[in-house]
Amino acid sequence: MQPWLSAAWREIERGGAHGRPQAFCVVHPPGVAVVDLREHLTSALLCQAADAPCGLCSSCHQLRLGTHPDLLMLLPEGAAGMIPVDAVRNAIQTAYTTAALGGKRVIQARPAEALNQSSSNALLKIVEEPPAGTFFIFETALPGKMLPTLVSRLRMIRVAPPEIETMTQFAKASGVSEDDVQLGDVLLAAPLAGLDAPERLVLAKSVLKALHQAKSGDDPQRIATQFQKKDATLVLTTFSRVLMAVIRARTDGQSVLGFQGPYPDTHWLMQVLDRVNESRHQAQSNIAVNLPLTMSVLLAAWSFIWTRVQS
């Protein structure tokens, strides 16, 4: 388990005034993965040994294989990216049956902010009075988007933001370069993306490369074709974060991400940023975005404002 998750695990182990609760909510900073904490808690709850998690029993073995019959996961579905109420109702129905291995059952909901109003309301009663042996683990970076009456029924476990130096040391020990830690932090607000989500970091790097190519005069339309069938939200969020980093660098007179002054006027940078964020908000709202076309237009605008510097 990563060192910055240890304090949260100790808090779980301490329990509460009435012993271990049956409904947890792990709240983590954006970009900080808590997979190890979530899975360690799941293992501890489902383990069949007294000294849990033992890692040796049938339950622990099936968890490692991803085949445990008493682990239910509520995950976003469909274009809306929400956890549907039908999935919640099915999980509730299962919770009132005997566990397949005769022990405990864990229901994970992640990210918990993907629970819509109906799904959240459906969970209120069972979370307040769960069946014996049934535990809930919610996970979110945005607790403010959860239904307050649901939050009030959960044991909130908060993961403190780790220091970048701590994450860098951990990442380097795990084979991730310091450059990738810094790029993950700037491009995705996720310093450990190279470890936890390498495919996301690869896509973010491709956006950065595209911005350098467009700045150098390459054809924006040709550059944009590489983003066919890519994650629009991630691509546009990365574009936005690069723009904000350049705006800050211009103010500070620094170089950033391979860009250096003289920079375009802040007015021009902000205009492009507004256009990028408009497209990003559409993608986040599940409005269809023709990403290659959108990126072609945005990269053309980005290229144009750099030509004004040269002129």
C-alpha atoms as a PDB file:
ATOM      1  CA  MET A   1       0.000   0.000   0.000  1.00  0.00           C
ATOM      2  CA  GLN A   2       1.288   3.479  -0.866  1.00  0.00           C
ATOM      3  CA  PRO A   3       2.640   5.311   2.194  1.00  0.00           C
ATOM      4  CA  TRP A   4       0.118   8.159   1.932  1.00  0.00           C
ATOM      5  CA  LEU A   5      -2.747   5.666   2.329  1.00  0.00           C
ATOM      6  CA  SER A   6      -1.448   4.267   5.614  1.00  0.00           C
ATOM      7  CA  ALA A   7      -3.052   6.936   7.828  1.00  0.00           C
ATOM      8  CA  ALA A   8      -6.462   6.293   6.254  1.00  0.00           C
ATOM      9  CA  TRP A   9      -6.052   2.547   6.817  1.00  0.00           C
ATOM     10  CA  ARG A  10      -5.157   3.127  10.465  1.00  0.00           C
ATOM     11  CA  GLU A  11      -8.323   5.180  10.814  1.00  0.00           C
ATOM     12  CA  ILE A  12     -10.345   2.285   9.408  1.00  0.00           C
ATOM     13  CA  GLU A  13      -8.676  -0.160  11.780  1.00  0.00           C
ATOM     14  CA  ARG A  14      -9.508   1.994  14.789  1.00  0.00           C
ATOM     15  CA  GLY A  15     -13.194   1.604  14.015  1.00  0.00           C
ATOM     16  CA  GLY A  16     -15.734   3.736  15.823  1.00  0.00           C
ATOM     17  CA  ALA A  17     -17.521   3.942  19.127  1.00  0.00           C
ATOM     18  CA  HIS A  18     -19.778   1.054  18.115  1.00  0.00           C
ATOM     19  CA  GLY A  19     -17.191  -1.099  16.375  1.00  0.00           C
ATOM     20  CA  ARG A  20     -16.510  -1.388  12.655  1.00  0.00           C
ATOM     21  CA  PRO A  21     -19.207   0.325  10.558  1.00  0.00           C
ATOM     22  CA  GLN A  22     -20.804  -1.371   7.587  1.00  0.00           C
ATOM     23  CA  ALA A  23     -20.712   1.576   5.162  1.00  0.00           C
ATOM     24  CA  PHE A  24     -17.483   3.389   4.313  1.00  0.00           C
ATOM     25  CA  CYS A  25     -16.803   6.244   1.938  1.00  0.00           C
ATOM     26  CA  VAL A  26     -13.185   6.726   0.891  1.00  0.00           C
ATOM     27  CA  VAL A  27     -12.696  10.386  -0.067  1.00  0.00           C
ATOM     28  CA  HIS A  28      -9.494  11.056  -1.977  1.00  0.00           C
ATOM     29  CA  PRO A  29      -7.880  14.067  -3.660  1.00  0.00           C
ATOM     30  CA  PRO A  30      -8.494  14.250  -7.430  1.00  0.00           C
ATOM     31  CA  GLY A  31      -5.840  12.321  -9.309  1.00  0.00           C
ATOM     32  CA  VAL A  32      -4.753  10.275  -6.281  1.00  0.00           C
ATOM     33  CA  ALA A  33      -5.672   6.631  -6.784  1.00  0.00           C
ATOM     34  CA  VAL A  34      -6.889   4.682  -3.760  1.00  0.00           C
ATOM     35  CA  VAL A  35      -7.144   1.264  -5.407  1.00  0.00           C
ATOM     36  CA  ASP A  36      -4.786  -0.332  -2.869  1.00  0.00           C
ATOM     37  CA  LEU A  37      -6.759   1.020   0.090  1.00  0.00           C
ATOM     38  CA  ARG A  38     -10.102  -0.009  -1.386  1.00  0.00           C
ATOM     39  CA  GLU A  39      -8.919  -3.511  -2.252  1.00  0.00           C
ATOM     40  CA  HIS A  40      -7.156  -3.973   1.094  1.00  0.00           C
ATOM     41  CA  LEU A  41     -10.365  -3.050   2.910  1.00  0.00           C
ATOM     42  CA  THR A  42     -12.377  -5.358   0.644  1.00  0.00           C
ATOM     43  CA  SER A  43      -9.945  -8.212   1.353  1.00  0.00           C
ATOM     44  CA  ALA A  44     -10.061  -7.572   5.096  1.00  0.00           C
ATOM     45  CA  LEU A  45     -13.865  -7.684   5.082  1.00  0.00           C
ATOM     46  CA  LEU A  46     -14.212 -10.816   2.943  1.00  0.00           C
ATOM     47  CA  CYS A  47     -11.260 -12.807   4.287  1.00  0.00           C
ATOM     48  CA  GLN A  48     -12.215 -16.037   6.039  1.00  0.00           C
ATOM     49  CA  ALA A  49      -9.292 -15.975   8.471  1.00  0.00           C
ATOM     50  CA  ALA A  50      -9.222 -14.367  11.911  1.00  0.00           C
ATOM     51  CA  ASP A  51      -6.120 -12.335  11.031  1.00  0.00           C
ATOM     52  CA  ALA A  52      -7.558 -10.670   7.920  1.00  0.00           C
ATOM     53  CA  PRO A  53      -6.556 -10.248   5.212  1.00  0.00           C
ATOM     54  CA  CYS A  54      -4.536 -13.461   5.230  1.00  0.00           C
ATOM     55  CA  GLY A  55      -3.943 -13.702   1.480  1.00  0.00           C
ATOM     56  CA  LEU A  56      -4.162 -17.502   1.712  1.00  0.00           C
ATOM     57  CA  CYS A  57      -7.804 -18.474   2.142  1.00  0.00           C
ATOM     58  CA  SER A  58     -10.254 -19.298  -0.657  1.00  0.00           C
ATOM     59  CA  SER A  59     -11.820 -15.853  -0.402  1.00  0.00           C
ATOM     60  CA  CYS A  60      -8.490 -14.017  -0.775  1.00  0.00           C
ATOM     61  CA  HIS A  61      -7.553 -16.292  -3.680  1.00  0.00           C
ATOM     62  CA  GLN A  62     -10.796 -15.561  -5.539  1.00  0.00           C
ATOM     63  CA  LEU A  63     -10.369 -11.828  -4.952  1.00  0.00           C
ATOM     64  CA  ARG A  64      -6.941 -11.969  -6.584  1.00  0.00           C
ATOM     65  CA  LEU A  65      -8.468 -13.767  -9.587  1.00  0.00           C
ATOM     66  CA  GLY A  66     -11.350 -11.293  -9.787  1.00  0.00           C
ATOM     67  CA  THR A  67     -13.912 -14.086  -9.416  1.00  0.00           C
ATOM     68  CA  HIS A  68     -15.208 -13.543  -5.878  1.00  0.00           C
ATOM     69  CA  PRO A  69     -18.981 -14.204  -5.915  1.00  0.00           C
ATOM     70  CA  ASP A  70     -19.655 -11.968  -2.905  1.00  0.00           C
ATOM     71  CA  LEU A  71     -18.075  -8.813  -4.306  1.00  0.00           C
ATOM     72  CA  LEU A  72     -20.576  -6.637  -6.180  1.00  0.00           C
ATOM     73  CA  MET A  73     -19.507  -3.498  -8.029  1.00  0.00           C
ATOM     74  CA  LEU A  74     -21.770  -0.592  -8.907  1.00  0.00           C
ATOM     75  CA  LEU A  75     -20.079   1.221 -11.799  1.00  0.00           C
ATOM     76  CA  PRO A  76     -21.148   3.898 -14.311  1.00  0.00           C
ATOM     77  CA  GLU A  77     -22.974   2.657 -17.368  1.00  0.00           C
ATOM     78  CA  GLY A  78     -24.121   4.064 -20.697  1.00  0.00           C
ATOM     79  CA  ALA A  79     -23.524   7.386 -22.392  1.00  0.00           C
ATOM     80  CA  ALA A  80     -24.613   9.318 -19.299  1.00  0.00           C
ATOM     81  CA  GLY A  81     -21.837   7.732 -17.251  1.00  0.00           C
ATOM     82  CA  MET A  82     -24.091   7.212 -14.217  1.00  0.00           C
ATOM     83  CA  ILE A  83     -24.779   4.249 -11.928  1.00  0.00           C
ATOM     84  CA  PRO A  84     -28.333   3.219 -12.891  1.00  0.00           C
ATOM     85  CA  VAL A  85     -31.010   2.619 -10.299  1.00  0.00           C
ATOM     86  CA  ASP A  86     -31.747  -0.851 -11.731  1.00  0.00           C
ATOM     87  CA  ALA A  87     -28.184  -1.967 -10.948  1.00  0.00           C
ATOM     88  CA  VAL A  88     -28.559  -0.609  -7.426  1.00  0.00           C
ATOM     89  CA  ARG A  89     -31.857  -2.428  -6.903  1.00  0.00           C
ATOM     90  CA  ASN A  90     -30.342  -5.696  -8.143  1.00  0.00           C
ATOM     91  CA  ALA A  91     -27.441  -5.284  -5.690  1.00  0.00           C
ATOM     92  CA  ILE A  92     -29.878  -4.575  -2.849  1.00  0.00           C
ATOM     93  CA  GLN A  93     -31.886  -7.682  -3.691  1.00  0.00           C
ATOM     94  CA  THR A  94     -28.703  -9.765  -3.662  1.00  0.00           C
ATOM     95  CA  ALA A  95     -27.634  -8.224  -0.334  1.00  0.00           C
ATOM     96  CA  TYR A  96     -30.636  -9.801   1.401  1.00  0.00           C
ATOM     97  CA  THR A  97     -29.655 -13.307   0.263  1.00  0.00           C
ATOM     98  CA  THR A  98     -27.083 -15.618   1.837  1.00  0.00           C
ATOM     99  CA  ALA A  99     -23.535 -14.940   0.706  1.00  0.00           C
ATOM    100  CA  ALA A 100     -22.223 -17.513  -1.772  1.00  0.00           C
ATOM    101  CA  LEU A 101     -19.258 -18.411   0.460  1.00  0.00           C
ATOM    102  CA  GLY A 102     -21.413 -18.273   3.566  1.00  0.00           C
ATOM    103  CA  GLY A 103     -19.546 -15.299   5.007  1.00  0.00           C
ATOM    104  CA  LYS A 104     -19.675 -11.590   4.232  1.00  0.00           C
ATOM    105  CA  ARG A 105     -20.527  -9.577   1.151  1.00  0.00           C
ATOM    106  CA  VAL A 106     -19.040  -6.276  -0.091  1.00  0.00           C
ATOM    107  CA  ILE A 107     -20.772  -3.833  -2.425  1.00  0.00           C
ATOM    108  CA  GLN A 108     -18.509  -1.197  -3.986  1.00  0.00           C
ATOM    109  CA  ALA A 109     -19.880   2.007  -5.558  1.00  0.00           C
ATOM    110  CA  ARG A 110     -17.315   3.967  -7.555  1.00  0.00           C
ATOM    111  CA  PRO A 111     -17.130   6.724  -8.301  1.00  0.00           C
ATOM    112  CA  ALA A 112     -19.867   7.465  -5.810  1.00  0.00           C
ATOM    113  CA  GLU A 113     -20.697  10.810  -7.405  1.00  0.00           C
ATOM    114  CA  ALA A 114     -21.977   8.794 -10.400  1.00  0.00           C
ATOM    115  CA  LEU A 115     -24.972   7.737  -8.296  1.00  0.00           C
ATOM    116  CA  ASN A 116     -27.935   9.748  -9.550  1.00  0.00           C
ATOM    117  CA  GLN A 117     -30.830  10.918  -7.370  1.00  0.00           C
ATOM    118  CA  SER A 118     -32.850   7.729  -7.831  1.00  0.00           C
ATOM    119  CA  SER A 119     -29.868   5.431  -7.247  1.00  0.00           C
ATOM    120  CA  SER A 120     -28.858   7.337  -4.114  1.00  0.00           C
ATOM    121  CA  ASN A 121     -32.375   7.316  -2.702  1.00  0.00           C
ATOM    122  CA  ALA A 122     -32.643   3.577  -3.314  1.00  0.00           C
ATOM    123  CA  LEU A 123     -29.556   3.020  -1.135  1.00  0.00           C
ATOM    124  CA  LEU A 124     -30.629   5.111   1.848  1.00  0.00           C
ATOM    125  CA  LYS A 125     -32.513   2.445   3.790  1.00  0.00           C
ATOM    126  CA  ILE A 126     -30.112  -0.441   3.270  1.00  0.00           C
ATOM    127  CA  VAL A 127     -27.043   1.709   4.040  1.00  0.00           C
ATOM    128  CA  GLU A 128     -28.663   2.898   7.269  1.00  0.00           C
ATOM    129  CA  GLU A 129     -29.698  -0.629   8.290  1.00  0.00           C
ATOM    130  CA  PRO A 130     -27.585  -3.062   6.250  1.00  0.00           C
ATOM    131  CA  PRO A 131     -28.171  -6.821   6.454  1.00  0.00           C
ATOM    132  CA  ALA A 132     -25.776  -8.675   8.718  1.00  0.00           C
ATOM    133  CA  GLY A 133     -22.519  -9.348   6.918  1.00  0.00           C
ATOM    134  CA  THR A 134     -23.083  -6.852   4.087  1.00  0.00           C
ATOM    135  CA  PHE A 135     -20.619  -3.972   3.790  1.00  0.00           C
ATOM    136  CA  PHE A 136     -20.572  -0.977   1.463  1.00  0.00           C
ATOM    137  CA  ILE A 137     -17.485   0.817   0.161  1.00  0.00           C
ATOM    138  CA  PHE A 138     -18.130   4.096  -1.636  1.00  0.00           C
ATOM    139  CA  GLU A 139     -15.262   5.948  -3.305  1.00  0.00           C
ATOM    140  CA  THR A 140     -15.188   9.540  -4.500  1.00  0.00           C
ATOM    141  CA  ALA A 141     -13.046  12.596  -5.109  1.00  0.00           C
ATOM    142  CA  LEU A 142     -16.185  14.770  -5.182  1.00  0.00           C
ATOM    143  CA  PRO A 143     -18.200  14.163  -2.002  1.00  0.00           C
ATOM    144  CA  GLY A 144     -20.053  17.445  -2.534  1.00  0.00           C
ATOM    145  CA  LYS A 145     -21.798  15.871  -5.554  1.00  0.00           C
ATOM    146  CA  MET A 146     -23.217  13.041  -3.452  1.00  0.00           C
ATOM    147  CA  LEU A 147     -26.678  13.111  -1.900  1.00  0.00           C
ATOM    148  CA  PRO A 148     -26.231  14.670   1.586  1.00  0.00           C
ATOM    149  CA  THR A 149     -28.651  12.225   3.211  1.00  0.00           C
ATOM    150  CA  LEU A 150     -26.552   9.355   1.854  1.00  0.00           C
ATOM    151  CA  VAL A 151     -23.287  10.939   2.996  1.00  0.00           C
ATOM    152  CA  SER A 152     -24.696  11.326   6.513  1.00  0.00           C
ATOM    153  CA  ARG A 153     -25.057   7.539   6.743  1.00  0.00           C
ATOM    154  CA  LEU A 154     -21.448   6.761   5.782  1.00  0.00           C
ATOM    155  CA  ARG A 155     -18.190   6.521   7.721  1.00  0.00           C
ATOM    156  CA  MET A 156     -16.075   9.059   5.833  1.00  0.00           C
ATOM    157  CA  ILE A 157     -12.431   8.042   5.433  1.00  0.00           C
ATOM    158  CA  ARG A 158     -10.419  10.956   4.038  1.00  0.00           C
ATOM    159  CA  VAL A 159      -7.091  10.471   2.279  1.00  0.00           C
ATOM    160  CA  ALA A 160      -4.834  13.489   2.765  1.00  0.00           C
ATOM    161  CA  PRO A 161      -3.122  14.960  -0.323  1.00  0.00           C
ATOM    162  CA  PRO A 162       0.378  13.439  -0.472  1.00  0.00           C
ATOM    163  CA  GLU A 163       3.452  15.565  -0.965  1.00  0.00           C
ATOM    164  CA  ILE A 164       4.751  15.537  -4.547  1.00  0.00           C
ATOM    165  CA  GLU A 165       8.200  14.560  -3.237  1.00  0.00           C
ATOM    166  CA  THR A 166       6.725  11.492  -1.537  1.00  0.00           C
ATOM    167  CA  MET A 167       4.916  10.437  -4.705  1.00  0.00           C
ATOM    168  CA  THR A 168       8.028  11.035  -6.797  1.00  0.00           C
ATOM    169  CA  GLN A 169      10.120   8.799  -4.552  1.00  0.00           C
ATOM    170  CA  PHE A 170       7.447   6.099  -4.594  1.00  0.00           C
ATOM    171  CA  ALA A 171       7.027   6.315  -8.375  1.00  0.00           C
ATOM    172  CA  LYS A 172      10.768   6.134  -9.026  1.00  0.00           C
ATOM    173  CA  ALA A 173      11.001   3.089  -6.764  1.00  0.00           C
ATOM    174  CA  SER A 174       8.205   1.544  -8.858  1.00  0.00           C
ATOM    175  CA  GLY A 175      10.010   2.208 -12.141  1.00  0.00           C
ATOM    176  CA  VAL A 176       8.271   5.447 -13.171  1.00  0.00           C
ATOM    177  CA  SER A 177      10.561   8.283 -14.270  1.00  0.00           C
ATOM    178  CA  GLU A 178      10.594  11.640 -12.511  1.00  0.00           C
ATOM    179  CA  ASP A 179       9.665  13.289 -15.824  1.00  0.00           C
ATOM    180  CA  ASP A 180       6.509  11.169 -16.026  1.00  0.00           C
ATOM    181  CA  VAL A 181       5.603  12.102 -12.447  1.00  0.00           C
ATOM    182  CA  GLN A 182       5.898  15.792 -13.321  1.00  0.00           C
ATOM    183  CA  LEU A 183       4.011  15.386 -16.596  1.00  0.00           C
ATOM    184  CA  GLY A 184       1.261  13.420 -14.855  1.00  0.00           C
ATOM    185  CA  ASP A 185       0.941  16.215 -12.320  1.00  0.00           C
ATOM    186  CA  VAL A 186       0.827  19.060 -14.875  1.00  0.00           C
ATOM    187  CA  LEU A 187      -1.181  17.376 -17.635  1.00  0.00           C
ATOM    188  CA  LEU A 188      -3.621  15.275 -15.587  1.00  0.00           C
ATOM    189  CA  ALA A 189      -3.340  16.485 -11.977  1.00  0.00           C
ATOM    190  CA  ALA A 190      -2.316  12.858 -11.351  1.00  0.00           C
ATOM    191  CA  PRO A 191       1.402  12.523 -10.531  1.00  0.00           C
ATOM    192  CA  LEU A 192       1.141   8.735 -10.439  1.00  0.00           C
ATOM    193  CA  ALA A 193      -0.665   8.389 -13.755  1.00  0.00           C
ATOM    194  CA  GLY A 194       2.423   6.655 -15.166  1.00  0.00           C
ATOM    195  CA  LEU A 195       1.867   3.957 -12.553  1.00  0.00           C
ATOM    196  CA  ASP A 196      -1.916   3.896 -12.059  1.00  0.00           C
ATOM    197  CA  ALA A 197      -3.151   4.823 -15.550  1.00  0.00           C
ATOM    198  CA  PRO A 198      -0.275   4.693 -18.070  1.00  0.00           C
ATOM    199  CA  GLU A 199      -2.629   4.726 -21.067  1.00  0.00           C
ATOM    200  CA  ARG A 200      -4.067   8.058 -19.892  1.00  0.00           C
ATOM    201  CA  LEU A 201      -0.583   9.535 -19.577  1.00  0.00           C
ATOM    202  CA  VAL A 202       0.326   8.311 -23.077  1.00  0.00           C
ATOM    203  CA  LEU A 203      -2.749  10.067 -24.503  1.00  0.00           C
ATOM    204  CA  ALA A 204      -1.989  13.236 -22.525  1.00  0.00           C
ATOM    205  CA  LYS A 205       1.574  13.224 -23.876  1.00  0.00           C
ATOM    206  CA  SER A 206       0.208  12.919 -27.413  1.00  0.00           C
ATOM    207  CA  VAL A 207      -1.843  16.082 -26.834  1.00  0.00           C
ATOM    208  CA  LEU A 208       1.266  17.923 -25.651  1.00  0.00           C
ATOM    209  CA  LYS A 209       3.179  16.708 -28.709  1.00  0.00           C
ATOM    210  CA  ALA A 210       0.327  17.856 -30.972  1.00  0.00           C
ATOM    211  CA  LEU A 211       0.486  21.338 -29.449  1.00  0.00           C
ATOM    212  CA  HIS A 212       4.217  21.526 -30.125  1.00  0.00           C
ATOM    213  CA  GLN A 213       3.672  20.366 -33.711  1.00  0.00           C
ATOM    214  CA  ALA A 214       0.941  22.939 -34.333  1.00  0.00           C
ATOM    215  CA  LYS A 215       3.084  25.685 -32.812  1.00  0.00           C
ATOM    216  CA  SER A 216       5.859  24.700 -35.227  1.00  0.00           C
ATOM    217  CA  GLY A 217       3.563  25.128 -38.222  1.00  0.00           C
ATOM    218  CA  ASP A 218       2.458  21.549 -38.926  1.00  0.00           C
ATOM    219  CA  ASP A 219      -0.993  21.125 -40.481  1.00  0.00           C
ATOM    220  CA  PRO A 220      -3.599  21.172 -37.637  1.00  0.00           C
ATOM    221  CA  GLN A 221      -6.038  19.040 -39.618  1.00  0.00           C
ATOM    222  CA  ARG A 222      -3.439  16.331 -40.155  1.00  0.00           C
ATOM    223  CA  ILE A 223      -2.358  16.429 -36.503  1.00  0.00           C
ATOM    224  CA  ALA A 224      -5.965  16.153 -35.308  1.00  0.00           C
ATOM    225  CA  THR A 225      -6.643  12.873 -37.146  1.00  0.00           C
ATOM    226  CA  GLN A 226      -4.751  10.959 -34.428  1.00  0.00           C
ATOM    227  CA  PHE A 227      -7.514  11.775 -31.942  1.00  0.00           C
ATOM    228  CA  GLN A 228     -10.175   9.760 -33.738  1.00  0.00           C
ATOM    229  CA  LYS A 229     -12.008   7.582 -31.186  1.00  0.00           C
ATOM    230  CA  LYS A 230      -9.981   8.961 -28.264  1.00  0.00           C
ATOM    231  CA  ASP A 231     -11.328  10.080 -24.885  1.00  0.00           C
ATOM    232  CA  ALA A 232     -12.596  13.598 -25.648  1.00  0.00           C
ATOM    233  CA  THR A 233     -12.767  14.673 -22.018  1.00  0.00           C
ATOM    234  CA  LEU A 234      -9.187  13.622 -21.327  1.00  0.00           C
ATOM    235  CA  VAL A 235      -7.830  15.175 -24.554  1.00  0.00           C
ATOM    236  CA  LEU A 236      -9.576  18.504 -24.008  1.00  0.00           C
ATOM    237  CA  THR A 237      -8.771  18.586 -20.295  1.00  0.00           C
ATOM    238  CA  THR A 238      -5.093  18.091 -21.119  1.00  0.00           C
ATOM    239  CA  PHE A 239      -5.271  20.861 -23.753  1.00  0.00           C
ATOM    240  CA  SER A 240      -6.848  23.150 -21.140  1.00  0.00           C
ATOM    241  CA  ARG A 241      -4.236  22.348 -18.494  1.00  0.00           C
ATOM    242  CA  VAL A 242      -1.379  23.025 -20.943  1.00  0.00           C
ATOM    243  CA  LEU A 243      -2.905  26.402 -21.781  1.00  0.00           C
ATOM    244  CA  MET A 244      -3.216  27.305 -18.106  1.00  0.00           C
ATOM    245  CA  ALA A 245       0.394  26.258 -17.506  1.00  0.00           C
ATOM    246  CA  VAL A 246       1.538  28.473 -20.403  1.00  0.00           C
ATOM    247  CA  ILE A 247      -0.484  31.419 -19.075  1.00  0.00           C
ATOM    248  CA  ARG A 248       1.155  31.029 -15.655  1.00  0.00           C
ATOM    249  CA  ALA A 249       4.597  30.655 -17.253  1.00  0.00           C
ATOM    250  CA  ARG A 250       4.047  33.830 -19.280  1.00  0.00           C
ATOM    251  CA  THR A 251       3.208  35.733 -16.098  1.00  0.00           C
ATOM    252  CA  ASP A 252       6.230  34.328 -14.266  1.00  0.00           C
ATOM    253  CA  GLY A 253       8.592  34.656 -17.221  1.00  0.00           C
ATOM    254  CA  GLN A 254       9.380  30.927 -17.088  1.00  0.00           C
ATOM    255  CA  SER A 255       9.495  28.066 -19.582  1.00  0.00           C
ATOM    256  CA  VAL A 256       7.065  25.174 -19.201  1.00  0.00           C
ATOM    257  CA  LEU A 257       6.468  21.823 -20.926  1.00  0.00           C
ATOM    258  CA  GLY A 258       9.016  22.678 -23.597  1.00  0.00           C
ATOM    259  CA  PHE A 259       7.404  26.049 -24.385  1.00  0.00           C
ATOM    260  CA  GLN A 260       9.328  29.227 -23.762  1.00  0.00           C
ATOM    261  CA  GLY A 261       8.914  32.944 -24.341  1.00  0.00           C
ATOM    262  CA  PRO A 262       8.195  35.163 -25.956  1.00  0.00           C
ATOM    263  CA  TYR A 263       4.629  33.916 -25.409  1.00  0.00           C
ATOM    264  CA  PRO A 264       1.414  35.014 -27.100  1.00  0.00           C
ATOM    265  CA  ASP A 265      -0.495  37.824 -25.401  1.00  0.00           C
ATOM    266  CA  THR A 266      -2.579  36.659 -22.442  1.00  0.00           C
ATOM    267  CA  HIS A 267      -5.719  37.931 -24.199  1.00  0.00           C
ATOM    268  CA  TRP A 268      -5.118  35.526 -27.092  1.00  0.00           C
ATOM    269  CA  LEU A 269      -4.257  32.622 -24.789  1.00  0.00           C
ATOM    270  CA  MET A 270      -7.449  33.185 -22.795  1.00  0.00           C
ATOM    271  CA  GLN A 271      -9.534  33.232 -25.971  1.00  0.00           C
ATOM    272  CA  VAL A 272      -8.190  29.814 -26.984  1.00  0.00           C
ATOM    273  CA  LEU A 273      -8.626  28.536 -23.418  1.00  0.00           C
ATOM    274  CA  ASP A 274     -12.286  29.604 -23.432  1.00  0.00           C
ATOM    275  CA  ARG A 275     -12.875  27.725 -26.678  1.00  0.00           C
ATOM    276  CA  VAL A 276     -11.138  24.601 -25.366  1.00  0.00           C
ATOM    277  CA  ASN A 277     -13.128  24.705 -22.125  1.00  0.00           C
ATOM    278  CA  GLU A 278     -16.389  25.139 -24.012  1.00  0.00           C
ATOM    279  CA  SER A 279     -15.705  21.913 -25.913  1.00  0.00           C
ATOM    280  CA  ARG A 280     -14.480  20.213 -22.731  1.00  0.00           C
ATOM    281  CA  HIS A 281     -17.713  21.054 -20.899  1.00  0.00           C
ATOM    282  CA  GLN A 282     -19.700  19.567 -23.780  1.00  0.00           C
ATOM    283  CA  ALA A 283     -17.713  16.335 -23.554  1.00  0.00           C
ATOM    284  CA  GLN A 284     -18.122  16.213 -19.771  1.00  0.00           C
ATOM    285  CA  SER A 285     -21.874  16.698 -20.198  1.00  0.00           C
ATOM    286  CA  ASN A 286     -21.971  13.695 -22.543  1.00  0.00           C
ATOM    287  CA  ILE A 287     -22.776  15.887 -25.557  1.00  0.00           C
ATOM    288  CA  ALA A 288     -21.293  14.267 -28.657  1.00  0.00           C
ATOM    289  CA  VAL A 289     -18.046  15.948 -29.716  1.00  0.00           C
ATOM    290  CA  ASN A 290     -16.447  15.330 -33.110  1.00  0.00           C
ATOM    291  CA  LEU A 291     -12.998  15.261 -31.585  1.00  0.00           C
ATOM    292  CA  PRO A 292     -10.810  15.310 -34.732  1.00  0.00           C
ATOM    293  CA  LEU A 293     -12.782  18.256 -36.123  1.00  0.00           C
ATOM    294  CA  THR A 294     -12.787  20.059 -32.770  1.00  0.00           C
ATOM    295  CA  MET A 295      -9.066  19.525 -32.278  1.00  0.00           C
ATOM    296  CA  SER A 296      -8.370  20.688 -35.840  1.00  0.00           C
ATOM    297  CA  VAL A 297     -10.116  24.002 -35.137  1.00  0.00           C
ATOM    298  CA  LEU A 298      -8.527  24.439 -31.711  1.00  0.00           C
ATOM    299  CA  LEU A 299      -5.040  23.563 -32.916  1.00  0.00           C
ATOM    300  CA  ALA A 300      -5.436  26.037 -35.782  1.00  0.00           C
ATOM    301  CA  ALA A 301      -6.317  28.761 -33.253  1.00  0.00           C
ATOM    302  CA  TRP A 302      -3.356  27.733 -31.091  1.00  0.00           C
ATOM    303  CA  SER A 303      -1.022  27.849 -34.096  1.00  0.00           C
ATOM    304  CA  PHE A 304      -2.362  31.253 -35.171  1.00  0.00           C
ATOM    305  CA  ILE A 305      -1.688  33.008 -31.846  1.00  0.00           C
ATOM    306  CA  TRP A 306       1.962  31.846 -31.959  1.00  0.00           C
ATOM    307  CA  THR A 307       2.345  33.338 -35.468  1.00  0.00           C
ATOM    308  CA  ARG A 308       1.293  36.692 -33.994  1.00  0.00           C
ATOM    309  CA  VAL A 309       4.243  36.452 -31.600  1.00  0.00           C
ATOM    310  CA  GLN A 310       6.631  35.841 -34.482  1.00  0.00           C
ATOM    311  CA  SER A 311       5.182  38.726 -36.482  1.00  0.00           C
END
